[in-house]
Amino acid sequence: MLDKLFGGVGLSRGRRDIRLLEPGDSVDFWRVLYANRDEKRLLLFAEMKMPGEAWLEFKITGDTLHQTATFRPHGLAGRLYWYTVYPFHFFIFGSMIRRLTGAEK
């Protein structure tokens, strides 16, 4: 809701095919930059309104799913934003990875 309030794309977008991800597809407020099943790698770019740029990467090596969130702040507002939301990421990304792997009961 906050993203749409500030003119962002929000969460109401869909994909061309629910079984296949390709570069250019949207997933919520993320844009798929790279998706390679053979490499077991997915790279997403955040299109929500924020004072910076954010990427989210998923990579599988062996039987381990790696999740990497990257944020490049723009100026002081970006740094304030990052330090304000940083504590919540432990809950958000922790829950996300558990749900993706089926570890959440």
PDB file of N, CA and C in Angstrom:
ATOM      1  N   MET A   1       0.818  -1.193   0.000  1.00  0.00           N
ATOM      2  CA  MET A   1       0.000   0.000   0.000  1.00  0.00           C
ATOM      3  C   MET A   1       0.863   1.259   0.000  1.00  0.00           C
ATOM      4  N   LEU A   2       1.924   1.237   0.840  1.00  0.00           N
ATOM      5  CA  LEU A   2       2.789   2.424   0.909  1.00  0.00           C
ATOM      6  C   LEU A   2       3.461   2.701  -0.425  1.00  0.00           C
ATOM      7  N   ASP A   3       3.884   1.647  -1.104  1.00  0.00           N
ATOM      8  CA  ASP A   3       4.542   1.835  -2.394  1.00  0.00           C
ATOM      9  C   ASP A   3       3.594   2.500  -3.388  1.00  0.00           C
ATOM     10  N   LYS A   4       2.367   2.029  -3.462  1.00  0.00           N
ATOM     11  CA  LYS A   4       1.388   2.634  -4.382  1.00  0.00           C
ATOM     12  C   LYS A   4       1.065   4.065  -3.979  1.00  0.00           C
ATOM     13  N   LEU A   5       1.020   4.319  -2.669  1.00  0.00           N
ATOM     14  CA  LEU A   5       0.741   5.659  -2.176  1.00  0.00           C
ATOM     15  C   LEU A   5       1.777   6.657  -2.694  1.00  0.00           C
ATOM     16  N   PHE A   6       3.034   6.207  -2.806  1.00  0.00           N
ATOM     17  CA  PHE A   6       4.110   7.079  -3.270  1.00  0.00           C
ATOM     18  C   PHE A   6       4.372   6.948  -4.775  1.00  0.00           C
ATOM     19  N   GLY A   7       3.427   6.319  -5.491  1.00  0.00           N
ATOM     20  CA  GLY A   7       3.529   6.245  -6.943  1.00  0.00           C
ATOM     21  C   GLY A   7       4.247   5.027  -7.480  1.00  0.00           C
ATOM     22  N   GLY A   8       4.467   4.026  -6.634  1.00  0.00           N
ATOM     23  CA  GLY A   8       5.150   2.812  -7.074  1.00  0.00           C
ATOM     24  C   GLY A   8       4.207   1.820  -7.730  1.00  0.00           C
ATOM     25  N   VAL A   9       4.755   0.663  -8.089  1.00  0.00           N
ATOM     26  CA  VAL A   9       3.997  -0.345  -8.824  1.00  0.00           C
ATOM     27  C   VAL A   9       3.128  -1.208  -7.922  1.00  0.00           C
ATOM     28  N   GLY A  10       3.468  -1.294  -6.629  1.00  0.00           N
ATOM     29  CA  GLY A  10       2.673  -2.102  -5.702  1.00  0.00           C
ATOM     30  C   GLY A  10       2.826  -3.590  -5.949  1.00  0.00           C
ATOM     31  N   LEU A  11       1.883  -4.367  -5.420  1.00  0.00           N
ATOM     32  CA  LEU A  11       1.970  -5.826  -5.495  1.00  0.00           C
ATOM     33  C   LEU A  11       0.959  -6.443  -6.459  1.00  0.00           C
ATOM     34  N   SER A  12       0.220  -5.663  -7.199  1.00  0.00           N
ATOM     35  CA  SER A  12      -0.907  -6.194  -7.956  1.00  0.00           C
ATOM     36  C   SER A  12      -0.571  -6.619  -9.386  1.00  0.00           C
ATOM     37  N   ARG A  13       0.680  -6.781  -9.714  1.00  0.00           N
ATOM     38  CA  ARG A  13       1.043  -7.173 -11.077  1.00  0.00           C
ATOM     39  C   ARG A  13       1.142  -8.685 -11.177  1.00  0.00           C
ATOM     40  N   GLY A  14       0.959  -9.203 -12.371  1.00  0.00           N
ATOM     41  CA  GLY A  14       1.040 -10.644 -12.585  1.00  0.00           C
ATOM     42  C   GLY A  14       2.159 -11.005 -13.537  1.00  0.00           C
ATOM     43  N   ARG A  15       2.232 -12.307 -13.868  1.00  0.00           N
ATOM     44  CA  ARG A  15       3.257 -12.810 -14.788  1.00  0.00           C
ATOM     45  C   ARG A  15       2.588 -13.370 -16.038  1.00  0.00           C
ATOM     46  N   ARG A  16       3.378 -13.527 -17.078  1.00  0.00           N
ATOM     47  CA  ARG A  16       2.879 -14.131 -18.325  1.00  0.00           C
ATOM     48  C   ARG A  16       2.537 -15.598 -18.118  1.00  0.00           C
ATOM     49  N   ASP A  17       3.387 -16.314 -17.378  1.00  0.00           N
ATOM     50  CA  ASP A  17       3.213 -17.754 -17.162  1.00  0.00           C
ATOM     51  C   ASP A  17       3.582 -18.058 -15.719  1.00  0.00           C
ATOM     52  N   ILE A  18       2.677 -18.658 -14.960  1.00  0.00           N
ATOM     53  CA  ILE A  18       2.945 -18.896 -13.527  1.00  0.00           C
ATOM     54  C   ILE A  18       3.981 -19.989 -13.296  1.00  0.00           C
ATOM     55  N   ARG A  19       4.305 -20.792 -14.332  1.00  0.00           N
ATOM     56  CA  ARG A  19       5.281 -21.873 -14.169  1.00  0.00           C
ATOM     57  C   ARG A  19       6.674 -21.505 -14.654  1.00  0.00           C
ATOM     58  N   LEU A  20       6.801 -20.374 -15.341  1.00  0.00           N
ATOM     59  CA  LEU A  20       8.066 -20.017 -15.976  1.00  0.00           C
ATOM     60  C   LEU A  20       8.414 -18.566 -15.676  1.00  0.00           C
ATOM     61  N   LEU A  21       9.652 -18.332 -15.281  1.00  0.00           N
ATOM     62  CA  LEU A  21      10.146 -16.968 -15.061  1.00  0.00           C
ATOM     63  C   LEU A  21      11.180 -16.650 -16.127  1.00  0.00           C
ATOM     64  N   GLU A  22      11.007 -15.495 -16.742  1.00  0.00           N
ATOM     65  CA  GLU A  22      11.958 -15.047 -17.757  1.00  0.00           C
ATOM     66  C   GLU A  22      12.347 -13.602 -17.470  1.00  0.00           C
ATOM     67  N   PRO A  23      13.536 -13.186 -17.916  1.00  0.00           N
ATOM     68  CA  PRO A  23      13.920 -11.785 -17.744  1.00  0.00           C
ATOM     69  C   PRO A  23      12.835 -10.862 -18.297  1.00  0.00           C
ATOM     70  N   GLY A  24      12.520  -9.842 -17.518  1.00  0.00           N
ATOM     71  CA  GLY A  24      11.473  -8.897 -17.880  1.00  0.00           C
ATOM     72  C   GLY A  24      10.149  -9.161 -17.185  1.00  0.00           C
ATOM     73  N   ASP A  25       9.941 -10.385 -16.685  1.00  0.00           N
ATOM     74  CA  ASP A  25       8.713 -10.703 -15.958  1.00  0.00           C
ATOM     75  C   ASP A  25       8.670  -9.945 -14.644  1.00  0.00           C
ATOM     76  N   SER A  26       7.471  -9.753 -14.123  1.00  0.00           N
ATOM     77  CA  SER A  26       7.329  -9.124 -12.810  1.00  0.00           C
ATOM     78  C   SER A  26       6.808 -10.135 -11.807  1.00  0.00           C
ATOM     79  N   VAL A  27       7.312 -10.022 -10.598  1.00  0.00           N
ATOM     80  CA  VAL A  27       6.868 -10.832  -9.472  1.00  0.00           C
ATOM     81  C   VAL A  27       6.657  -9.843  -8.328  1.00  0.00           C
ATOM     82  N   ASP A  28       5.400  -9.581  -8.012  1.00  0.00           N
ATOM     83  CA  ASP A  28       5.054  -8.531  -7.048  1.00  0.00           C
ATOM     84  C   ASP A  28       5.709  -7.223  -7.514  1.00  0.00           C
ATOM     85  N   PHE A  29       6.536  -6.611  -6.670  1.00  0.00           N
ATOM     86  CA  PHE A  29       7.190  -5.365  -7.093  1.00  0.00           C
ATOM     87  C   PHE A  29       8.618  -5.618  -7.569  1.00  0.00           C
ATOM     88  N   TRP A  30       8.943  -6.860  -7.869  1.00  0.00           N
ATOM     89  CA  TRP A  30      10.270  -7.226  -8.369  1.00  0.00           C
ATOM     90  C   TRP A  30      10.214  -7.433  -9.875  1.00  0.00           C
ATOM     91  N   ARG A  31      11.298  -7.089 -10.560  1.00  0.00           N
ATOM     92  CA  ARG A  31      11.460  -7.343 -11.989  1.00  0.00           C
ATOM     93  C   ARG A  31      12.532  -8.414 -12.135  1.00  0.00           C
ATOM     94  N   VAL A  32      12.272  -9.453 -12.914  1.00  0.00           N
ATOM     95  CA  VAL A  32      13.248 -10.522 -13.132  1.00  0.00           C
ATOM     96  C   VAL A  32      14.330  -9.993 -14.076  1.00  0.00           C
ATOM     97  N   LEU A  33      15.576  -9.966 -13.578  1.00  0.00           N
ATOM     98  CA  LEU A  33      16.717  -9.559 -14.404  1.00  0.00           C
ATOM     99  C   LEU A  33      17.395 -10.768 -15.027  1.00  0.00           C
ATOM    100  N   TYR A  34      17.460 -11.859 -14.258  1.00  0.00           N
ATOM    101  CA  TYR A  34      18.156 -13.049 -14.729  1.00  0.00           C
ATOM    102  C   TYR A  34      17.475 -14.264 -14.114  1.00  0.00           C
ATOM    103  N   ALA A  35      17.182 -15.248 -14.936  1.00  0.00           N
ATOM    104  CA  ALA A  35      16.596 -16.495 -14.457  1.00  0.00           C
ATOM    105  C   ALA A  35      17.178 -17.626 -15.287  1.00  0.00           C
ATOM    106  N   ASN A  36      17.933 -18.506 -14.631  1.00  0.00           N
ATOM    107  CA  ASN A  36      18.560 -19.601 -15.334  1.00  0.00           C
ATOM    108  C   ASN A  36      18.398 -20.877 -14.513  1.00  0.00           C
ATOM    109  N   ARG A  37      17.569 -21.779 -15.012  1.00  0.00           N
ATOM    110  CA  ARG A  37      17.281 -23.025 -14.300  1.00  0.00           C
ATOM    111  C   ARG A  37      18.525 -23.915 -14.212  1.00  0.00           C
ATOM    112  N   ASP A  38      19.317 -23.960 -15.277  1.00  0.00           N
ATOM    113  CA  ASP A  38      20.525 -24.794 -15.280  1.00  0.00           C
ATOM    114  C   ASP A  38      21.540 -24.312 -14.245  1.00  0.00           C
ATOM    115  N   GLU A  39      21.692 -22.992 -14.131  1.00  0.00           N
ATOM    116  CA  GLU A  39      22.611 -22.416 -13.145  1.00  0.00           C
ATOM    117  C   GLU A  39      21.990 -22.354 -11.756  1.00  0.00           C
ATOM    118  N   LYS A  40      20.687 -22.593 -11.683  1.00  0.00           N
ATOM    119  CA  LYS A  40      19.936 -22.513 -10.427  1.00  0.00           C
ATOM    120  C   LYS A  40      20.111 -21.135  -9.791  1.00  0.00           C
ATOM    121  N   ARG A  41      19.832 -20.114 -10.599  1.00  0.00           N
ATOM    122  CA  ARG A  41      20.040 -18.730 -10.158  1.00  0.00           C
ATOM    123  C   ARG A  41      18.896 -17.840 -10.635  1.00  0.00           C
ATOM    124  N   LEU A  42      18.441 -16.968  -9.734  1.00  0.00           N
ATOM    125  CA  LEU A  42      17.391 -16.002 -10.031  1.00  0.00           C
ATOM    126  C   LEU A  42      17.799 -14.667  -9.439  1.00  0.00           C
ATOM    127  N   LEU A  43      17.782 -13.616 -10.265  1.00  0.00           N
ATOM    128  CA  LEU A  43      18.146 -12.279  -9.813  1.00  0.00           C
ATOM    129  C   LEU A  43      16.970 -11.345 -10.076  1.00  0.00           C
ATOM    130  N   LEU A  44      16.520 -10.654  -9.030  1.00  0.00           N
ATOM    131  CA  LEU A  44      15.376  -9.758  -9.099  1.00  0.00           C
ATOM    132  C   LEU A  44      15.797  -8.333  -8.750  1.00  0.00           C
ATOM    133  N   PHE A  45      15.139  -7.359  -9.373  1.00  0.00           N
ATOM    134  CA  PHE A  45      15.383  -5.942  -9.101  1.00  0.00           C
ATOM    135  C   PHE A  45      14.088  -5.334  -8.573  1.00  0.00           C
ATOM    136  N   ALA A  46      14.174  -4.581  -7.464  1.00  0.00           N
ATOM    137  CA  ALA A  46      12.987  -3.976  -6.858  1.00  0.00           C
ATOM    138  C   ALA A  46      12.558  -2.740  -7.642  1.00  0.00           C
ATOM    139  N   GLU A  47      11.262  -2.694  -7.974  1.00  0.00           N
ATOM    140  CA  GLU A  47      10.725  -1.534  -8.672  1.00  0.00           C
ATOM    141  C   GLU A  47       9.858  -0.677  -7.767  1.00  0.00           C
ATOM    142  N   MET A  48       9.904  -0.947  -6.476  1.00  0.00           N
ATOM    143  CA  MET A  48       9.119  -0.130  -5.555  1.00  0.00           C
ATOM    144  C   MET A  48       9.806   1.210  -5.338  1.00  0.00           C
ATOM    145  N   LYS A  49       9.048   2.193  -4.919  1.00  0.00           N
ATOM    146  CA  LYS A  49       9.596   3.523  -4.659  1.00  0.00           C
ATOM    147  C   LYS A  49      10.375   3.495  -3.350  1.00  0.00           C
ATOM    148  N   MET A  50      11.656   3.786  -3.444  1.00  0.00           N
ATOM    149  CA  MET A  50      12.518   3.872  -2.266  1.00  0.00           C
ATOM    150  C   MET A  50      13.740   4.692  -2.639  1.00  0.00           C
ATOM    151  N   PRO A  51      14.410   5.236  -1.638  1.00  0.00           N
ATOM    152  CA  PRO A  51      15.575   6.084  -1.922  1.00  0.00           C
ATOM    153  C   PRO A  51      16.846   5.264  -2.162  1.00  0.00           C
ATOM    154  N   GLY A  52      16.793   4.447  -3.206  1.00  0.00           N
ATOM    155  CA  GLY A  52      17.929   3.604  -3.535  1.00  0.00           C
ATOM    156  C   GLY A  52      17.505   2.506  -4.489  1.00  0.00           C
ATOM    157  N   GLU A  53      18.415   1.579  -4.727  1.00  0.00           N
ATOM    158  CA  GLU A  53      18.152   0.451  -5.609  1.00  0.00           C
ATOM    159  C   GLU A  53      18.364  -0.839  -4.829  1.00  0.00           C
ATOM    160  N   ALA A  54      17.505  -1.836  -5.107  1.00  0.00           N
ATOM    161  CA  ALA A  54      17.595  -3.091  -4.366  1.00  0.00           C
ATOM    162  C   ALA A  54      17.519  -4.277  -5.316  1.00  0.00           C
ATOM    163  N   TRP A  55      18.295  -5.305  -5.004  1.00  0.00           N
ATOM    164  CA  TRP A  55      18.300  -6.559  -5.744  1.00  0.00           C
ATOM    165  C   TRP A  55      18.114  -7.698  -4.760  1.00  0.00           C
ATOM    166  N   LEU A  56      17.513  -8.769  -5.233  1.00  0.00           N
ATOM    167  CA  LEU A  56      17.343  -9.976  -4.427  1.00  0.00           C
ATOM    168  C   LEU A  56      17.756 -11.147  -5.305  1.00  0.00           C
ATOM    169  N   GLU A  57      18.702 -11.942  -4.799  1.00  0.00           N
ATOM    170  CA  GLU A  57      19.210 -13.066  -5.580  1.00  0.00           C
ATOM    171  C   GLU A  57      18.976 -14.370  -4.837  1.00  0.00           C
ATOM    172  N   PHE A  58      18.558 -15.386  -5.584  1.00  0.00           N
ATOM    173  CA  PHE A  58      18.418 -16.745  -5.070  1.00  0.00           C
ATOM    174  C   PHE A  58      19.339 -17.622  -5.901  1.00  0.00           C
ATOM    175  N   LYS A  59      20.090 -18.463  -5.204  1.00  0.00           N
ATOM    176  CA  LYS A  59      21.047 -19.338  -5.875  1.00  0.00           C
ATOM    177  C   LYS A  59      21.083 -20.655  -5.116  1.00  0.00           C
ATOM    178  N   ILE A  60      21.056 -21.759  -5.837  1.00  0.00           N
ATOM    179  CA  ILE A  60      21.121 -23.080  -5.204  1.00  0.00           C
ATOM    180  C   ILE A  60      22.477 -23.692  -5.516  1.00  0.00           C
ATOM    181  N   THR A  61      23.181 -24.093  -4.446  1.00  0.00           N
ATOM    182  CA  THR A  61      24.427 -24.836  -4.605  1.00  0.00           C
ATOM    183  C   THR A  61      24.284 -26.106  -3.776  1.00  0.00           C
ATOM    184  N   GLY A  62      24.383 -27.224  -4.449  1.00  0.00           N
ATOM    185  CA  GLY A  62      24.164 -28.495  -3.754  1.00  0.00           C
ATOM    186  C   GLY A  62      22.734 -28.560  -3.262  1.00  0.00           C
ATOM    187  N   ASP A  63      22.588 -28.746  -1.950  1.00  0.00           N
ATOM    188  CA  ASP A  63      21.242 -28.793  -1.362  1.00  0.00           C
ATOM    189  C   ASP A  63      20.955 -27.549  -0.523  1.00  0.00           C
ATOM    190  N   THR A  64      21.664 -26.448  -0.824  1.00  0.00           N
ATOM    191  CA  THR A  64      21.515 -25.212  -0.056  1.00  0.00           C
ATOM    192  C   THR A  64      20.974 -24.093  -0.936  1.00  0.00           C
ATOM    193  N   LEU A  65      19.935 -23.410  -0.435  1.00  0.00           N
ATOM    194  CA  LEU A  65      19.384 -22.242  -1.114  1.00  0.00           C
ATOM    195  C   LEU A  65      19.986 -21.000  -0.475  1.00  0.00           C
ATOM    196  N   HIS A  66      20.684 -20.205  -1.275  1.00  0.00           N
ATOM    197  CA  HIS A  66      21.287 -18.958  -0.802  1.00  0.00           C
ATOM    198  C   HIS A  66      20.394 -17.800  -1.223  1.00  0.00           C
ATOM    199  N   GLN A  67      20.178 -16.887  -0.317  1.00  0.00           N
ATOM    200  CA  GLN A  67      19.355 -15.708  -0.573  1.00  0.00           C
ATOM    201  C   GLN A  67      20.205 -14.491  -0.225  1.00  0.00           C
ATOM    202  N   THR A  68      20.411 -13.593  -1.190  1.00  0.00           N
ATOM    203  CA  THR A  68      21.226 -12.411  -0.967  1.00  0.00           C
ATOM    204  C   THR A  68      20.427 -11.165  -1.317  1.00  0.00           C
ATOM    205  N   ALA A  69      20.294 -10.269  -0.350  1.00  0.00           N
ATOM    206  CA  ALA A  69      19.616  -8.988  -0.568  1.00  0.00           C
ATOM    207  C   ALA A  69      20.682  -7.901  -0.617  1.00  0.00           C
ATOM    208  N   THR A  70      20.608  -7.064  -1.643  1.00  0.00           N
ATOM    209  CA  THR A  70      21.572  -5.981  -1.816  1.00  0.00           C
ATOM    210  C   THR A  70      20.805  -4.669  -1.945  1.00  0.00           C
ATOM    211  N   PHE A  71      21.286  -3.646  -1.244  1.00  0.00           N
ATOM    212  CA  PHE A  71      20.662  -2.325  -1.331  1.00  0.00           C
ATOM    213  C   PHE A  71      21.742  -1.283  -1.548  1.00  0.00           C
ATOM    214  N   ARG A  72      21.560  -0.444  -2.567  1.00  0.00           N
ATOM    215  CA  ARG A  72      22.472   0.672  -2.831  1.00  0.00           C
ATOM    216  C   ARG A  72      21.708   1.956  -2.533  1.00  0.00           C
ATOM    217  N   PRO A  73      22.000   2.594  -1.382  1.00  0.00           N
ATOM    218  CA  PRO A  73      21.250   3.795  -0.995  1.00  0.00           C
ATOM    219  C   PRO A  73      21.615   4.994  -1.862  1.00  0.00           C
ATOM    220  N   HIS A  74      20.634   5.874  -2.032  1.00  0.00           N
ATOM    221  CA  HIS A  74      20.863   7.146  -2.712  1.00  0.00           C
ATOM    222  C   HIS A  74      20.837   8.247  -1.659  1.00  0.00           C
ATOM    223  N   GLY A  75      21.990   8.765  -1.338  1.00  0.00           N
ATOM    224  CA  GLY A  75      22.102   9.879  -0.399  1.00  0.00           C
ATOM    225  C   GLY A  75      21.731   9.542   1.033  1.00  0.00           C
ATOM    226  N   LEU A  76      21.538  10.587   1.809  1.00  0.00           N
ATOM    227  CA  LEU A  76      21.207  10.451   3.223  1.00  0.00           C
ATOM    228  C   LEU A  76      19.856   9.771   3.418  1.00  0.00           C
ATOM    229  N   ALA A  77      18.884  10.116   2.584  1.00  0.00           N
ATOM    230  CA  ALA A  77      17.551   9.497   2.701  1.00  0.00           C
ATOM    231  C   ALA A  77      17.646   7.989   2.512  1.00  0.00           C
ATOM    232  N   GLY A  78      18.492   7.543   1.602  1.00  0.00           N
ATOM    233  CA  GLY A  78      18.679   6.117   1.373  1.00  0.00           C
ATOM    234  C   GLY A  78      19.291   5.409   2.567  1.00  0.00           C
ATOM    235  N   ARG A  79      20.261   6.066   3.169  1.00  0.00           N
ATOM    236  CA  ARG A  79      20.894   5.470   4.356  1.00  0.00           C
ATOM    237  C   ARG A  79      19.930   5.426   5.537  1.00  0.00           C
ATOM    238  N   LEU A  80      19.169   6.493   5.725  1.00  0.00           N
ATOM    239  CA  LEU A  80      18.159   6.496   6.805  1.00  0.00           C
ATOM    240  C   LEU A  80      17.109   5.413   6.564  1.00  0.00           C
ATOM    241  N   TYR A  81      16.675   5.274   5.314  1.00  0.00           N
ATOM    242  CA  TYR A  81      15.713   4.237   4.961  1.00  0.00           C
ATOM    243  C   TYR A  81      16.279   2.865   5.303  1.00  0.00           C
ATOM    244  N   TRP A  82      17.519   2.605   4.885  1.00  0.00           N
ATOM    245  CA  TRP A  82      18.126   1.296   5.114  1.00  0.00           C
ATOM    246  C   TRP A  82      18.215   0.971   6.605  1.00  0.00           C
ATOM    247  N   TYR A  83      18.714   1.892   7.400  1.00  0.00           N
ATOM    248  CA  TYR A  83      18.861   1.608   8.825  1.00  0.00           C
ATOM    249  C   TYR A  83      17.518   1.507   9.537  1.00  0.00           C
ATOM    250  N   THR A  84      16.480   2.129   8.975  1.00  0.00           N
ATOM    251  CA  THR A  84      15.141   2.021   9.559  1.00  0.00           C
ATOM    252  C   THR A  84      14.528   0.650   9.276  1.00  0.00           C
ATOM    253  N   VAL A  85      14.674   0.153   8.048  1.00  0.00           N
ATOM    254  CA  VAL A  85      14.038  -1.120   7.685  1.00  0.00           C
ATOM    255  C   VAL A  85      14.943  -2.332   7.916  1.00  0.00           C
ATOM    256  N   TYR A  86      16.215  -2.118   8.137  1.00  0.00           N
ATOM    257  CA  TYR A  86      17.182  -3.212   8.303  1.00  0.00           C
ATOM    258  C   TYR A  86      16.741  -4.258   9.329  1.00  0.00           C
ATOM    259  N   PRO A  87      16.307  -3.890  10.525  1.00  0.00           N
ATOM    260  CA  PRO A  87      15.919  -4.915  11.508  1.00  0.00           C
ATOM    261  C   PRO A  87      14.763  -5.806  11.038  1.00  0.00           C
ATOM    262  N   PHE A  88      13.871  -5.285  10.236  1.00  0.00           N
ATOM    263  CA  PHE A  88      12.723  -6.061   9.766  1.00  0.00           C
ATOM    264  C   PHE A  88      13.115  -7.117   8.736  1.00  0.00           C
ATOM    265  N   HIS A  89      14.242  -6.919   8.077  1.00  0.00           N
ATOM    266  CA  HIS A  89      14.653  -7.864   7.051  1.00  0.00           C
ATOM    267  C   HIS A  89      14.962  -9.250   7.618  1.00  0.00           C
ATOM    268  N   PHE A  90      15.391  -9.336   8.857  1.00  0.00           N
ATOM    269  CA  PHE A  90      15.647 -10.647   9.463  1.00  0.00           C
ATOM    270  C   PHE A  90      14.358 -11.463   9.493  1.00  0.00           C
ATOM    271  N   PHE A  91      13.244 -10.819   9.794  1.00  0.00           N
ATOM    272  CA  PHE A  91      11.955 -11.505   9.848  1.00  0.00           C
ATOM    273  C   PHE A  91      11.417 -11.763   8.440  1.00  0.00           C
ATOM    274  N   ILE A  92      11.483 -10.742   7.594  1.00  0.00           N
ATOM    275  CA  ILE A  92      10.923 -10.853   6.243  1.00  0.00           C
ATOM    276  C   ILE A  92      11.659 -11.922   5.434  1.00  0.00           C
ATOM    277  N   PHE A  93      12.979 -11.812   5.343  1.00  0.00           N
ATOM    278  CA  PHE A  93      13.734 -12.738   4.517  1.00  0.00           C
ATOM    279  C   PHE A  93      13.849 -14.112   5.157  1.00  0.00           C
ATOM    280  N   GLY A  94      13.893 -14.170   6.469  1.00  0.00           N
ATOM    281  CA  GLY A  94      13.908 -15.460   7.157  1.00  0.00           C
ATOM    282  C   GLY A  94      12.626 -16.233   6.890  1.00  0.00           C
ATOM    283  N   SER A  95      11.504 -15.545   6.990  1.00  0.00           N
ATOM    284  CA  SER A  95      10.213 -16.171   6.716  1.00  0.00           C
ATOM    285  C   SER A  95      10.106 -16.569   5.247  1.00  0.00           C
ATOM    286  N   MET A  96      10.597 -15.710   4.356  1.00  0.00           N
ATOM    287  CA  MET A  96      10.535 -15.998   2.928  1.00  0.00           C
ATOM    288  C   MET A  96      11.298 -17.273   2.588  1.00  0.00           C
ATOM    289  N   ILE A  97      12.501 -17.406   3.110  1.00  0.00           N
ATOM    290  CA  ILE A  97      13.321 -18.574   2.781  1.00  0.00           C
ATOM    291  C   ILE A  97      12.717 -19.852   3.365  1.00  0.00           C
ATOM    292  N   ARG A  98      12.120 -19.764   4.551  1.00  0.00           N
ATOM    293  CA  ARG A  98      11.458 -20.940   5.148  1.00  0.00           C
ATOM    294  C   ARG A  98      10.254 -21.366   4.310  1.00  0.00           C
ATOM    295  N   ARG A  99       9.492 -20.378   3.830  1.00  0.00           N
ATOM    296  CA  ARG A  99       8.320 -20.708   3.005  1.00  0.00           C
ATOM    297  C   ARG A  99       8.739 -21.286   1.661  1.00  0.00           C
ATOM    298  N   LEU A 100       9.797 -20.750   1.065  1.00  0.00           N
ATOM    299  CA  LEU A 100      10.267 -21.260  -0.224  1.00  0.00           C
ATOM    300  C   LEU A 100      10.774 -22.689  -0.124  1.00  0.00           C
ATOM    301  N   THR A 101      11.424 -23.017   0.970  1.00  0.00           N
ATOM    302  CA  THR A 101      12.006 -24.349   1.130  1.00  0.00           C
ATOM    303  C   THR A 101      11.041 -25.345   1.761  1.00  0.00           C
ATOM    304  N   GLY A 102       9.881 -24.861   2.198  1.00  0.00           N
ATOM    305  CA  GLY A 102       8.916 -25.740   2.844  1.00  0.00           C
ATOM    306  C   GLY A 102       9.247 -26.034   4.281  1.00  0.00           C
ATOM    307  N   ALA A 103      10.190 -25.290   4.862  1.00  0.00           N
ATOM    308  CA  ALA A 103      10.595 -25.515   6.257  1.00  0.00           C
ATOM    309  C   ALA A 103       9.615 -24.905   7.248  1.00  0.00           C
ATOM    310  N   GLU A 104       8.735 -24.009   6.794  1.00  0.00           N
ATOM    311  CA  GLU A 104       7.760 -23.366   7.679  1.00  0.00           C
ATOM    312  C   GLU A 104       6.551 -24.276   7.814  1.00  0.00           C
ATOM    313  N   LYS A 105       6.153 -24.525   9.048  1.00  0.00           N
ATOM    314  CA  LYS A 105       5.018 -25.428   9.302  1.00  0.00           C
ATOM    315  C   LYS A 105       3.770 -24.682   9.578  1.00  0.00           C
TER     316      LYS A 105
END
